[in-house]
Structures are given as C-alpha cells and as structure tokens.
C-alpha atoms as a PDB file:
ATOM      1  CA  MET A   1     -38.127  43.158  69.586  1.00  0.00           C
ATOM      2  CA  LYS A   2     -41.108  42.676  67.728  1.00  0.00           C
ATOM      3  CA  PHE A   3     -41.064  43.264  63.773  1.00  0.00           C
ATOM      4  CA  LYS A   4     -44.122  44.095  61.888  1.00  0.00           C
ATOM      5  CA  SER A   5     -45.432  41.700  58.681  1.00  0.00           C
ATOM      6  CA  HIS A   6     -43.839  43.956  56.165  1.00  0.00           C
ATOM      7  CA  HIS A   7     -40.168  44.165  57.879  1.00  0.00           C
ATOM      8  CA  ILE A   8     -40.031  40.707  57.778  1.00  0.00           C
ATOM      9  CA  VAL A   9     -41.186  39.821  54.637  1.00  0.00           C
ATOM     10  CA  LEU A  10     -38.126  43.227  53.543  1.00  0.00           C
ATOM     11  CA  PHE A  11     -35.689  41.204  55.815  1.00  0.00           C
ATOM     12  CA  MET A  12     -36.130  37.538  54.311  1.00  0.00           C
ATOM     13  CA  ILE A  13     -35.672  39.727  50.395  1.00  0.00           C
ATOM     14  CA  MET A  14     -32.202  41.059  51.558  1.00  0.00           C
ATOM     15  CA  THR A  15     -31.287  37.797  53.311  1.00  0.00           C
ATOM     16  CA  VAL A  16     -31.628  36.159  49.610  1.00  0.00           C
ATOM     17  CA  LEU A  17     -29.960  38.386  47.742  1.00  0.00           C
ATOM     18  CA  SER A  18     -27.158  37.992  50.143  1.00  0.00           C
ATOM     19  CA  ALA A  19     -26.602  34.416  49.505  1.00  0.00           C
ATOM     20  CA  LEU A  20     -27.130  34.925  45.239  1.00  0.00           C
ATOM     21  CA  SER A  21     -24.412  37.869  46.009  1.00  0.00           C
ATOM     22  CA  VAL A  22     -22.296  35.438  47.946  1.00  0.00           C
ATOM     23  CA  SER A  23     -22.551  32.374  45.478  1.00  0.00           C
ATOM     24  CA  PHE A  24     -22.313  35.285  41.788  1.00  0.00           C
ATOM     25  CA  THR A  25     -19.168  36.126  43.432  1.00  0.00           C
ATOM     26  CA  SER A  26     -17.717  32.493  44.223  1.00  0.00           C
ATOM     27  CA  SER A  27     -17.456  31.524  40.620  1.00  0.00           C
ATOM     28  CA  ALA A  28     -17.080  34.597  38.995  1.00  0.00           C
ATOM     29  CA  GLU A  29     -15.264  33.212  36.067  1.00  0.00           C
ATOM     30  CA  ASN A  30     -17.924  32.708  33.686  1.00  0.00           C
ATOM     31  CA  TRP A  31     -18.819  31.057  29.678  1.00  0.00           C
ATOM     32  CA  LEU A  32     -21.038  33.423  27.518  1.00  0.00           C
ATOM     33  CA  TYR A  33     -22.525  32.558  24.678  1.00  0.00           C
ATOM     34  CA  LYS A  34     -23.072  35.228  21.929  1.00  0.00           C
ATOM     35  CA  ASP A  35     -23.396  35.087  17.847  1.00  0.00           C
ATOM     36  CA  GLY A  36     -22.721  31.865  17.739  1.00  0.00           C
ATOM     37  CA  LYS A  37     -20.010  31.224  19.472  1.00  0.00           C
ATOM     38  CA  TRP A  38     -18.195  31.260  23.374  1.00  0.00           C
ATOM     39  CA  TYR A  39     -16.573  33.536  25.849  1.00  0.00           C
ATOM     40  CA  TYR A  40     -14.432  32.783  28.725  1.00  0.00           C
ATOM     41  CA  TYR A  41     -14.579  35.598  31.545  1.00  0.00           C
ATOM     42  CA  TYR A  42     -12.977  36.220  34.981  1.00  0.00           C
ATOM     43  CA  MET A  43     -15.835  39.209  35.197  1.00  0.00           C
ATOM     44  CA  TYR A  44     -18.442  40.979  32.967  1.00  0.00           C
ATOM     45  CA  ASP A  45     -15.318  43.318  31.519  1.00  0.00           C
ATOM     46  CA  GLU A  46     -12.663  41.262  31.890  1.00  0.00           C
ATOM     47  CA  PRO A  47     -12.049  38.169  29.573  1.00  0.00           C
ATOM     48  CA  VAL A  48      -9.835  35.318  30.049  1.00  0.00           C
ATOM     49  CA  GLU A  49      -7.070  35.829  27.320  1.00  0.00           C
ATOM     50  CA  ASN A  50      -4.468  33.447  25.391  1.00  0.00           C
ATOM     51  CA  GLN A  51      -4.422  30.815  28.736  1.00  0.00           C
ATOM     52  CA  TRP A  52      -5.347  27.055  28.863  1.00  0.00           C
ATOM     53  CA  ILE A  53      -8.100  26.605  31.298  1.00  0.00           C
ATOM     54  CA  THR A  54      -9.880  23.683  32.921  1.00  0.00           C
ATOM     55  CA  ASP A  55     -13.592  22.947  32.900  1.00  0.00           C
ATOM     56  CA  SER A  56     -15.910  20.156  34.068  1.00  0.00           C
ATOM     57  CA  GLY A  57     -12.533  18.325  33.257  1.00  0.00           C
ATOM     58  CA  ASN A  58     -12.064  19.381  29.915  1.00  0.00           C
ATOM     59  CA  GLU A  59      -9.265  21.296  28.911  1.00  0.00           C
ATOM     60  CA  TYR A  60      -9.616  24.772  26.627  1.00  0.00           C
ATOM     61  CA  TYR A  61      -7.543  27.283  25.378  1.00  0.00           C
ATOM     62  CA  ILE A  62      -8.987  30.607  25.041  1.00  0.00           C
ATOM     63  CA  GLY A  63      -7.838  32.919  22.656  1.00  0.00           C
ATOM     64  CA  SER A  64      -8.072  36.717  22.199  1.00  0.00           C
ATOM     65  CA  GLY A  65     -11.028  38.671  23.524  1.00  0.00           C
ATOM     66  CA  GLY A  66     -12.031  35.387  25.696  1.00  0.00           C
ATOM     67  CA  LEU A  67     -12.715  33.564  22.618  1.00  0.00           C
ATOM     68  CA  MET A  68     -13.154  29.855  22.951  1.00  0.00           C
ATOM     69  CA  THR A  69     -10.334  28.310  20.300  1.00  0.00           C
ATOM     70  CA  THR A  70     -12.113  25.260  17.811  1.00  0.00           C
ATOM     71  CA  ASP A  71     -11.097  23.036  15.177  1.00  0.00           C
ATOM     72  CA  LYS A  72      -7.200  24.147  15.330  1.00  0.00           C
ATOM     73  CA  TRP A  73      -3.974  23.062  16.318  1.00  0.00           C
ATOM     74  CA  GLN A  74      -2.520  25.404  19.992  1.00  0.00           C
ATOM     75  CA  THR A  75       1.227  25.882  20.286  1.00  0.00           C
ATOM     76  CA  ASP A  76       1.535  25.691  23.894  1.00  0.00           C
ATOM     77  CA  ASN A  77       4.334  28.179  25.130  1.00  0.00           C
ATOM     78  CA  GLU A  78       5.379  26.173  27.696  1.00  0.00           C
ATOM     79  CA  ASP A  79       6.494  22.766  25.959  1.00  0.00           C
ATOM     80  CA  GLY A  80       6.655  24.422  22.806  1.00  0.00           C
ATOM     81  CA  LYS A  81       4.386  21.673  21.258  1.00  0.00           C
ATOM     82  CA  LYS A  82       1.111  21.346  19.122  1.00  0.00           C
ATOM     83  CA  TYR A  83      -2.399  20.074  20.906  1.00  0.00           C
ATOM     84  CA  TYR A  84      -5.280  19.948  18.585  1.00  0.00           C
ATOM     85  CA  LEU A  85      -8.929  21.884  20.411  1.00  0.00           C
ATOM     86  CA  GLY A  86     -11.471  20.105  18.870  1.00  0.00           C
ATOM     87  CA  ALA A  87     -15.100  21.250  17.313  1.00  0.00           C
ATOM     88  CA  ASP A  88     -16.611  21.786  21.174  1.00  0.00           C
ATOM     89  CA  GLY A  89     -13.289  23.260  22.235  1.00  0.00           C
ATOM     90  CA  THR A  90     -12.007  21.123  23.921  1.00  0.00           C
ATOM     91  CA  LYS A  91      -7.826  19.157  24.248  1.00  0.00           C
ATOM     92  CA  LYS A  92      -8.822  15.796  21.924  1.00  0.00           C
ATOM     93  CA  ARG A  93      -7.403  12.564  22.313  1.00  0.00           C
ATOM     94  CA  ASN A  94      -6.861   9.264  20.214  1.00  0.00           C
ATOM     95  CA  GLU A  95      -9.648  10.423  17.572  1.00  0.00           C
ATOM     96  CA  TYR A  96      -9.224  12.189  14.122  1.00  0.00           C
ATOM     97  CA  THR A  97      -9.333  15.954  12.995  1.00  0.00           C
ATOM     98  CA  VAL A  98     -13.178  17.649  11.863  1.00  0.00           C
ATOM     99  CA  SER A  99     -11.563  17.364   8.697  1.00  0.00           C
ATOM    100  CA  GLY A 100      -9.883  13.590   8.983  1.00  0.00           C
ATOM    101  CA  ASP A 101      -6.785  14.833   7.329  1.00  0.00           C
ATOM    102  CA  LYS A 102      -4.835  14.124  10.623  1.00  0.00           C
ATOM    103  CA  PHE A 103      -5.070  11.618  13.860  1.00  0.00           C
ATOM    104  CA  VAL A 104      -4.375  13.122  17.492  1.00  0.00           C
ATOM    105  CA  GLY A 105      -2.472  11.399  19.731  1.00  0.00           C
ATOM    106  CA  PRO A 106      -2.584   9.349  23.201  1.00  0.00           C
ATOM    107  CA  ASP A 107      -1.171  13.184  24.588  1.00  0.00           C
ATOM    108  CA  GLY A 108      -3.152  15.460  22.417  1.00  0.00           C
ATOM    109  CA  THR A 109      -0.526  16.001  19.348  1.00  0.00           C
ATOM    110  CA  GLU A 110      -0.362  14.868  16.060  1.00  0.00           C
ATOM    111  CA  LEU A 111       0.364  11.479  15.876  1.00  0.00           C
ATOM    112  CA  VAL A 112       2.722  11.827  12.945  1.00  0.00           C
ATOM    113  CA  SER A 113       4.159   8.146  12.004  1.00  0.00           C
ATOM    114  CA  PHE A 114       0.406   7.526  11.205  1.00  0.00           C
ATOM    115  CA  GLY A 115      -0.346   9.979   9.502  1.00  0.00           C
ATOM    116  CA  LYS A 116       3.158   8.997   7.204  1.00  0.00           C
ATOM    117  CA  TRP A 117       2.104   5.521   6.888  1.00  0.00           C
ATOM    118  CA  ARG A 118      -1.935   6.385   5.693  1.00  0.00           C
ATOM    119  CA  GLU A 119       0.144   8.264   2.821  1.00  0.00           C
ATOM    120  CA  GLY A 120       2.160   5.966   2.560  1.00  0.00           C
ATOM    121  CA  ALA A 121      -0.573   3.206   1.853  1.00  0.00           C
ATOM    122  CA  LYS A 122      -3.202   5.760  -0.510  1.00  0.00           C
ATOM    123  CA  LYS A 123      -0.293   6.505  -2.469  1.00  0.00           C
ATOM    124  CA  SER A 124       1.405   2.937  -2.823  1.00  0.00           C
ATOM    125  CA  LEU A 125      -2.441   1.579  -3.643  1.00  0.00           C
ATOM    126  CA  LYS A 126      -3.367   4.541  -6.241  1.00  0.00           C
ATOM    127  CA  LYS A 127      -0.357   3.687  -8.160  1.00  0.00           C
ATOM    128  CA  ILE A 128      -0.902  -0.112  -8.081  1.00  0.00           C
ATOM    129  CA  ILE A 129      -3.995   0.770  -9.765  1.00  0.00           C
ATOM    130  CA  SER A 130      -2.146   3.070 -12.310  1.00  0.00           C
ATOM    131  CA  ASP A 131      -0.036   0.618 -13.377  1.00  0.00           C
ATOM    132  CA  LEU A 132      -2.643  -2.219 -13.830  1.00  0.00           C
ATOM    133  CA  ASN A 133      -4.492  -0.035 -15.688  1.00  0.00           C
ATOM    134  CA  LYS A 134      -1.565   0.977 -18.417  1.00  0.00           C
ATOM    135  CA  LYS A 135      -2.247  -0.187 -21.391  1.00  0.00           C
ATOM    136  CA  ASN A 136       1.006  -2.082 -22.040  1.00  0.00           C
ATOM    137  CA  THR A 137       2.587  -3.521 -25.499  1.00  0.00           C
ATOM    138  CA  VAL A 138       1.170  -6.890 -25.427  1.00  0.00           C
ATOM    139  CA  THR A 139       0.707 -10.023 -27.755  1.00  0.00           C
ATOM    140  CA  SER A 140      -2.440 -10.104 -30.241  1.00  0.00           C
ATOM    141  CA  GLU A 141      -3.823 -13.566 -27.530  1.00  0.00           C
ATOM    142  CA  GLN A 142      -2.704 -11.150 -24.269  1.00  0.00           C
ATOM    143  CA  LYS A 143      -4.758  -8.237 -25.871  1.00  0.00           C
ATOM    144  CA  GLN A 144      -7.904 -10.376 -25.994  1.00  0.00           C
ATOM    145  CA  TYR A 145      -6.935 -11.645 -22.274  1.00  0.00           C
ATOM    146  CA  LEU A 146      -6.869  -7.758 -21.415  1.00  0.00           C
ATOM    147  CA  THR A 147      -9.702  -7.069 -22.482  1.00  0.00           C
ATOM    148  CA  TYR A 148     -11.892  -8.002 -19.566  1.00  0.00           C
ATOM    149  CA  LEU A 149      -8.673  -7.353 -16.865  1.00  0.00           C
ATOM    150  CA  ASN A 150      -7.608  -4.022 -15.345  1.00  0.00           C
ATOM    151  CA  ALA A 151      -7.779  -2.945 -11.743  1.00  0.00           C
ATOM    152  CA  SER A 152     -11.260  -3.629 -11.116  1.00  0.00           C
ATOM    153  CA  ASN A 153     -10.120  -7.314 -11.046  1.00  0.00           C
ATOM    154  CA  ALA A 154      -7.893  -7.127  -7.963  1.00  0.00           C
ATOM    155  CA  ALA A 155      -8.260  -6.378  -4.275  1.00  0.00           C
ATOM    156  CA  PHE A 156      -5.862  -5.869  -1.430  1.00  0.00           C
ATOM    157  CA  ALA A 157      -5.409  -6.234   2.350  1.00  0.00           C
ATOM    158  CA  LEU A 158      -4.068  -4.129   4.848  1.00  0.00           C
ATOM    159  CA  TYR A 159      -2.267  -7.065   6.616  1.00  0.00           C
ATOM    160  CA  ASP A 160       1.290  -7.374   8.913  1.00  0.00           C
ATOM    161  CA  LEU A 161       3.400  -9.730   7.102  1.00  0.00           C
ATOM    162  CA  ASN A 162       6.519  -9.292   8.687  1.00  0.00           C
ATOM    163  CA  CYS A 163       5.256  -9.199  11.745  1.00  0.00           C
ATOM    164  CA  ASP A 164       6.388  -6.096  13.352  1.00  0.00           C
ATOM    165  CA  GLU A 165       3.151  -5.096  13.859  1.00  0.00           C
ATOM    166  CA  TYR A 166       2.461  -2.683  10.950  1.00  0.00           C
ATOM    167  CA  ARG A 167       0.239  -3.346   8.333  1.00  0.00           C
ATOM    168  CA  ASP A 168       1.808  -4.339   5.090  1.00  0.00           C
ATOM    169  CA  ILE A 169       0.114  -4.267   1.072  1.00  0.00           C
ATOM    170  CA  ILE A 170      -0.907  -7.208  -0.571  1.00  0.00           C
ATOM    171  CA  VAL A 171      -2.595  -7.208  -4.102  1.00  0.00           C
ATOM    172  CA  ILE A 172      -4.018 -10.336  -5.810  1.00  0.00           C
ATOM    173  CA  ASN A 173      -6.311 -11.026  -8.672  1.00  0.00           C
ATOM    174  CA  LYS A 174      -9.924 -11.877  -7.033  1.00  0.00           C
ATOM    175  CA  ASP A 175     -11.155 -13.713 -10.111  1.00  0.00           C
ATOM    176  CA  SER A 176      -7.618 -16.188  -9.612  1.00  0.00           C
ATOM    177  CA  ASP A 177      -8.481 -19.353  -8.077  1.00  0.00           C
ATOM    178  CA  ASN A 178      -5.736 -19.268  -5.775  1.00  0.00           C
ATOM    179  CA  ARG A 179      -5.869 -15.597  -4.989  1.00  0.00           C
ATOM    180  CA  GLN A 180      -2.372 -15.041  -7.268  1.00  0.00           C
ATOM    181  CA  VAL A 181      -0.507 -12.180  -6.253  1.00  0.00           C
ATOM    182  CA  LEU A 182      -0.108  -9.214  -7.526  1.00  0.00           C
ATOM    183  CA  ASP A 183       2.028  -7.089  -5.821  1.00  0.00           C
ATOM    184  CA  ILE A 184       3.408  -7.308  -2.223  1.00  0.00           C
ATOM    185  CA  GLN A 185       4.603  -3.640  -0.073  1.00  0.00           C
ATOM    186  CA  ILE A 186       6.405  -3.390   3.255  1.00  0.00           C
ATOM    187  CA  TRP A 187       6.164  -1.091   5.356  1.00  0.00           C
ATOM    188  CA  ASN A 188       9.221  -0.015   6.799  1.00  0.00           C
ATOM    189  CA  PRO A 189       8.872   2.074   9.692  1.00  0.00           C
ATOM    190  CA  GLU A 190      12.359   3.360  10.552  1.00  0.00           C
ATOM    191  CA  LYS A 191      12.612   4.708   6.568  1.00  0.00           C
ATOM    192  CA  GLN A 192       8.484   5.868   7.045  1.00  0.00           C
ATOM    193  CA  GLU A 193       7.902   4.441   3.592  1.00  0.00           C
ATOM    194  CA  TYR A 194       6.287   1.516   1.665  1.00  0.00           C
ATOM    195  CA  TYR A 195       8.973  -1.257  -0.150  1.00  0.00           C
ATOM    196  CA  ALA A 196       7.506  -3.299  -3.623  1.00  0.00           C
ATOM    197  CA  VAL A 197       8.893  -6.277  -2.865  1.00  0.00           C
ATOM    198  CA  MET A 198       7.763  -8.219  -5.339  1.00  0.00           C
ATOM    199  CA  GLU A 199       5.427  -6.964  -8.913  1.00  0.00           C
ATOM    200  CA  SER A 200       3.279  -8.576 -11.380  1.00  0.00           C
ATOM    201  CA  ASP A 201       0.389  -7.588 -13.786  1.00  0.00           C
ATOM    202  CA  PHE A 202      -2.497  -9.668 -15.653  1.00  0.00           C
ATOM    203  CA  THR A 203       0.186 -10.672 -18.720  1.00  0.00           C
ATOM    204  CA  SER A 204       2.537 -12.240 -16.277  1.00  0.00           C
ATOM    205  CA  ASP A 205       3.290 -15.953 -17.348  1.00  0.00           C
ATOM    206  CA  GLU A 206       4.337 -16.516 -13.439  1.00  0.00           C
ATOM    207  CA  VAL A 207       1.672 -17.259 -10.597  1.00  0.00           C
ATOM    208  CA  ALA A 208       2.939 -15.875  -7.416  1.00  0.00           C
ATOM    209  CA  VAL A 209       0.934 -17.578  -3.833  1.00  0.00           C
ATOM    210  CA  LEU A 210       1.412 -16.287  -0.448  1.00  0.00           C
ATOM    211  CA  LYS A 211       1.422 -19.313   3.025  1.00  0.00           C
ATOM    212  CA  ARG A 212       1.892 -18.316   6.428  1.00  0.00           C
ATOM    213  CA  GLU A 213       3.614 -21.386   8.540  1.00  0.00           C
ATOM    214  CA  VAL A 214       1.350 -21.771  11.198  1.00  0.00           C
ATOM    215  CA  ASN A 215       1.476 -20.227  14.995  1.00  0.00           C
ATOM    216  CA  LEU A 216       1.860 -16.682  12.570  1.00  0.00           C
ATOM    217  CA  GLY A 217       5.308 -17.530  11.764  1.00  0.00           C
ATOM    218  CA  ASP A 218       7.644 -16.910   8.529  1.00  0.00           C
ATOM    219  CA  VAL A 219       5.497 -16.229   5.044  1.00  0.00           C
ATOM    220  CA  TRP A 220       6.309 -17.902   1.810  1.00  0.00           C
ATOM    221  CA  LEU A 221       6.332 -16.568  -1.836  1.00  0.00           C
ATOM    222  CA  VAL A 222       5.465 -19.857  -4.272  1.00  0.00           C
ATOM    223  CA  ILE A 223       6.114 -18.604  -7.671  1.00  0.00           C
ATOM    224  CA  SER A 224       5.530 -21.024 -10.648  1.00  0.00           C
ATOM    225  CA  LYS A 225       5.543 -21.002 -13.898  1.00  0.00           C
ATOM    226  CA  ASP A 226       3.668 -24.185 -16.087  1.00  0.00           C
ATOM    227  CA  ILE A 227       4.736 -27.299 -14.365  1.00  0.00           C
ATOM    228  CA  ASN A 228       8.435 -27.615 -14.725  1.00  0.00           C
ATOM    229  CA  GLU A 229       9.971 -24.280 -13.238  1.00  0.00           C
ATOM    230  CA  PHE A 230       8.790 -23.699  -8.435  1.00  0.00           C
ATOM    231  CA  ASP A 231      10.627 -20.692  -7.190  1.00  0.00           C
ATOM    232  CA  PHE A 232      10.277 -20.524  -3.046  1.00  0.00           C
ATOM    233  CA  GLN A 233      11.491 -17.206  -1.249  1.00  0.00           C
ATOM    234  CA  GLN A 234      10.882 -16.833   2.375  1.00  0.00           C
ATOM    235  CA  LEU A 235      10.505 -13.150   4.128  1.00  0.00           C
ATOM    236  CA  LYS A 236      11.655 -13.571   7.956  1.00  0.00           C
ATOM    237  CA  ALA A 237       9.912 -12.153  10.678  1.00  0.00           C
ATOM    238  CA  GLY A 238      10.953  -7.965  11.394  1.00  0.00           C
ATOM    239  CA  GLU A 239      13.021  -8.306   7.566  1.00  0.00           C
ATOM    240  CA  TYR A 240      11.675  -6.296   4.279  1.00  0.00           C
ATOM    241  CA  PHE A 241      12.934  -8.540   1.288  1.00  0.00           C
ATOM    242  CA  PHE A 242      11.754 -12.230   0.340  1.00  0.00           C
ATOM    243  CA  GLN A 243      15.208 -14.335   0.068  1.00  0.00           C
ATOM    244  CA  GLY A 244      15.432 -16.990  -2.479  1.00  0.00           C
ATOM    245  CA  VAL A 245      15.805 -20.339  -0.654  1.00  0.00           C
ATOM    246  CA  GLU A 246      15.376 -23.231  -3.623  1.00  0.00           C
ATOM    247  CA  HIS A 247      14.751 -23.103  -6.970  1.00  0.00           C
ATOM    248  CA  TYR A 248      13.634 -25.684  -8.798  1.00  0.00           C
ATOM    249  CA  ASP A 249      13.247 -26.600 -12.743  1.00  0.00           C
ATOM    250  CA  PHE A 250      13.863 -28.717 -15.361  1.00  0.00           C
ATOM    251  CA  GLY A 251      14.908 -29.350 -18.647  1.00  0.00           C
ATOM    252  CA  TYR A 252      15.698 -31.225 -21.478  1.00  0.00           C
ATOM    253  CA  ASN A 253      20.089 -31.815 -22.590  1.00  0.00           C
ATOM    254  CA  GLU A 254      21.499 -33.057 -26.200  1.00  0.00           C
ATOM    255  CA  TYR A 255      19.636 -36.046 -26.313  1.00  0.00           C
ATOM    256  CA  GLY A 256      16.493 -34.896 -25.831  1.00  0.00           C
ATOM    257  CA  ASP A 257      16.084 -36.413 -21.965  1.00  0.00           C
ATOM    258  CA  VAL A 258      14.559 -34.849 -18.630  1.00  0.00           C
ATOM    259  CA  VAL A 259      17.453 -33.278 -16.935  1.00  0.00           C
ATOM    260  CA  TYR A 260      16.407 -32.081 -13.201  1.00  0.00           C
ATOM    261  CA  TYR A 261      17.664 -29.077 -11.616  1.00  0.00           C
ATOM    262  CA  ILE A 262      17.625 -27.856  -8.076  1.00  0.00           C
ATOM    263  CA  ASP A 263      19.257 -24.550  -7.322  1.00  0.00           C
ATOM    264  CA  GLY A 264      21.192 -25.624 -10.396  1.00  0.00           C
ATOM    265  CA  ILE A 265      22.110 -28.381  -9.133  1.00  0.00           C
ATOM    266  CA  GLU A 266      21.182 -31.776 -11.213  1.00  0.00           C
ATOM    267  CA  TYR A 267      19.250 -34.566  -9.351  1.00  0.00           C
ATOM    268  CA  SER A 268      17.471 -37.482 -10.281  1.00  0.00           C
ATOM    269  CA  ALA A 269      13.712 -37.173 -11.042  1.00  0.00           C
ATOM    270  CA  ASN A 270      13.122 -39.053  -7.705  1.00  0.00           C
ATOM    271  CA  GLU A 271      15.374 -36.732  -5.607  1.00  0.00           C
ATOM    272  CA  TRP A 272      13.700 -33.301  -7.249  1.00  0.00           C
ATOM    273  CA  ASN A 273       9.835 -34.369  -7.168  1.00  0.00           C
ATOM    274  CA  SER A 274      10.478 -35.742  -3.467  1.00  0.00           C
ATOM    275  CA  SER A 275      12.261 -32.797  -2.567  1.00  0.00           C
ATOM    276  CA  LEU A 276       9.479 -30.517  -4.132  1.00  0.00           C
ATOM    277  CA  MET A 277       7.030 -31.939  -2.009  1.00  0.00           C
ATOM    278  CA  TYR A 278       8.508 -31.843   1.388  1.00  0.00           C
ATOM    279  CA  ARG A 279       9.154 -28.099   0.313  1.00  0.00           C
ATOM    280  CA  ARG A 280       5.452 -27.517  -0.579  1.00  0.00           C
ATOM    281  CA  SER A 281       4.406 -29.368   2.901  1.00  0.00           C
ATOM    282  CA  ASN A 282       6.038 -27.427   5.056  1.00  0.00           C
ATOM    283  CA  LEU A 283       4.534 -23.662   3.696  1.00  0.00           C
ATOM    284  CA  GLY A 284       2.239 -23.357   6.032  1.00  0.00           C
ATOM    285  CA  THR A 285      -1.237 -22.467   5.065  1.00  0.00           C
ATOM    286  CA  GLU A 286      -3.066 -19.472   3.139  1.00  0.00           C
ATOM    287  CA  ILE A 287      -3.018 -15.805   4.611  1.00  0.00           C
ATOM    288  CA  MET A 288      -5.654 -15.141   6.515  1.00  0.00           C
ATOM    289  CA  ALA A 289      -6.086 -11.561   5.148  1.00  0.00           C
ATOM    290  CA  THR A 290      -9.268  -9.660   4.363  1.00  0.00           C
ATOM    291  CA  TYR A 291      -9.356  -8.309   1.085  1.00  0.00           C
ATOM    292  CA  TYR A 292     -12.018  -5.502  -0.412  1.00  0.00           C
ATOM    293  CA  ASP A 293     -12.235  -4.358  -4.046  1.00  0.00           C
ATOM    294  CA  LEU A 294      -9.061  -2.317  -5.519  1.00  0.00           C
ATOM    295  CA  ASN A 295     -11.100   1.100  -5.796  1.00  0.00           C
ATOM    296  CA  GLU A 296      -9.820   4.808  -4.690  1.00  0.00           C
ATOM    297  CA  THR A 297     -13.475   4.567  -2.268  1.00  0.00           C
ATOM    298  CA  THR A 298     -12.101   0.880  -0.578  1.00  0.00           C
ATOM    299  CA  ILE A 299      -8.587   2.622  -0.271  1.00  0.00           C
ATOM    300  CA  ASP A 300      -9.939   5.233   1.532  1.00  0.00           C
ATOM    301  CA  GLU A 301     -12.684   3.780   3.972  1.00  0.00           C
ATOM    302  CA  GLN A 302      -9.662   1.105   4.313  1.00  0.00           C
ATOM    303  CA  VAL A 303      -6.351   3.159   5.786  1.00  0.00           C
ATOM    304  CA  ASP A 304      -8.555   5.833   7.223  1.00  0.00           C
ATOM    305  CA  ARG A 305     -10.441   3.780   9.202  1.00  0.00           C
ATOM    306  CA  PHE A 306      -9.621   3.873  12.981  1.00  0.00           C
ATOM    307  CA  PRO A 307      -6.669   2.496  14.501  1.00  0.00           C
ATOM    308  CA  THR A 308      -6.689   0.022  16.918  1.00  0.00           C
ATOM    309  CA  GLU A 309      -5.420   0.539  20.670  1.00  0.00           C
ATOM    310  CA  ASP A 310      -2.467  -1.281  19.827  1.00  0.00           C
ATOM    311  CA  GLU A 311      -1.979   0.223  16.610  1.00  0.00           C
ATOM    312  CA  ILE A 312      -2.297   3.876  18.494  1.00  0.00           C
ATOM    313  CA  ASN A 313       0.186   2.675  20.912  1.00  0.00           C
ATOM    314  CA  LEU A 314       2.845   1.538  18.219  1.00  0.00           C
ATOM    315  CA  PHE A 315       2.791   4.743  16.096  1.00  0.00           C
ATOM    316  CA  TYR A 316       2.573   7.130  19.590  1.00  0.00           C
ATOM    317  CA  GLU A 317       5.945   4.847  20.679  1.00  0.00           C
ATOM    318  CA  LYS A 318       7.403   5.821  17.439  1.00  0.00           C
ATOM    319  CA  ASP A 319       7.252   9.086  17.535  1.00  0.00           C
ATOM    320  CA  ASN A 320       8.799   9.407  20.271  1.00  0.00           C
ATOM    321  CA  GLU A 321      11.843   7.512  20.462  1.00  0.00           C
END
C-alpha cells in the first residue's frame, strides 16, 4: 500500500497525539498552582479533598477544594494524632515549626516534653534575672558594693549535673575568680519542672563553688564562709538534691581557746586540718560547662537551639512512656 506525503504526515501527528493522551491519562493526579497556593486534583474538575497523599516520597494533607495544607497541625482521623505540615506542605520530622514555638519529633507529632523543658528553662532563668536585679534591704557597705552588681554580672550554663541526660541550670558570678555559684536548678523529668536546689545573691557572706569527680562522677557543692566554716554537699547521679556530707567550723571556748568541730563533734586542730585537706583533695575538678551572659536574648538563643540527636531521642522516649 502506498501513502501520499500528506497522509504520512497526518499519520505521524495522530500517533504522537495518541501517545500524549495515554501519558496524561496514566498520571491523572496533578498539582495546580493558583493565586499563590497549591492544589491537588484527580482530574481537571475533581480535587482531592480531606486526605493524606504521598508524592515523591513526601506526605501532604489535602484539605477542602484540593488545597494543600501548610504551617498547620493536622489531626489524623485514623490514629487521632496531630501531625505538623511545614510551609512547603510536607509532613515534618525533627525540626521546629515555622513560628519556632514548638518542636516536631521523629514521628511528625509535637515533642511535648521538650517544649515543657524549654518553657521551664526560660521561666527559671528569667526569674533569676529578676531576683538578682531586685533591690533588697542592705547595709550601707553592701549598698556601695551593689552599685555595680546586677544580673549583667552573672552568666549561666545549661549543663547535665546529675547525669540523667537532661540539661540543668547553673548561674555564676562571672566576675568572680572562682566562678562563684549564685543559683542551681535541676530538671525533674517526672514532674516536668525545675527544682531550685541552691540560691544565693551578690550580698551573701558565703561563697559556693562546684566540683565534679573524675569520669563524670558525683558533683560536690562547697559552701564556705570566711576561713572558719566549710560545708560539703554531694549530688549523686540520678538525684535531684544535694545531700550534706560534712560540715567544718571552729569557734572559741570560754577561755578563748580555738575549738574545732566536724559535724558538731570536737576534734584537735591537726585532725580538723587533715580531714579538711583530704576532703578537698577528693572533690574532683571544676565543672566543664560553657557559660553565657545572663540576659533574655542569650537565654532564648541557648534554650531554643536545635537539640542533639540524643536529646531528641530522650524527649521522644519520655513522651511515649
């Protein structure tokens, strides 16, 4: 059979159109961008509505009229959980929401316990600022001393003190030579709140310092008053409060002689000094924490920083107990 040239051209055009028609029909579901929003359709006049879809490995929720859901928590009708859809419409995992007020966990739902930790840390630290700036009744000598001391002289660290993997709060006087401790707060994951375990201010006649035993052992809080009184308190792994271990002090008897005491029991000067030296030598080293200026901007920056993978897993496990 012979074809004329125009018949051959017509035959080729029909063949191409037929192929294009098959291709379009086989992928009938399509995205449509209109007025700055994305829509998803089965066909031209048949939008996908109120259901989850998967496209190119990402999950989306398509609402009424085929509109793609963005920056919103969407409840799944099957499991009843709320999942977060980001600004690009995809279901998010392990990242902050657009507003930054919540964090999305590994399964796409809110990491609730992490949110409570953030709230607790900010509330506690900002209260410490208020307390340090508070004008208390002081002596004339203290008043002169306080003219240049307030929360701006303090620094804070978010550091795991009791080895439970949750970051606790340490506030120090950054202008002191020995990192004088002003406040310590321990996070209790069961109660979902911080416990204030040690509080001081710039006018206190006591100086508190922290030490940690080698290999991330127990933490020691040493509170001293002048040169004649020392209190040693210990925080054991997994606990939320310091426990008193030994108290050293000395005074004078009715004859003016120096009398030395350990936990209220009288000792000789040699025994007292030997015991005190031994106790100090076994305290460990300085806490290796990173401190930041105590102000609201820095607090928000540090508390809202991206959690580590270990922290995400820690809070996720807590949420799913």
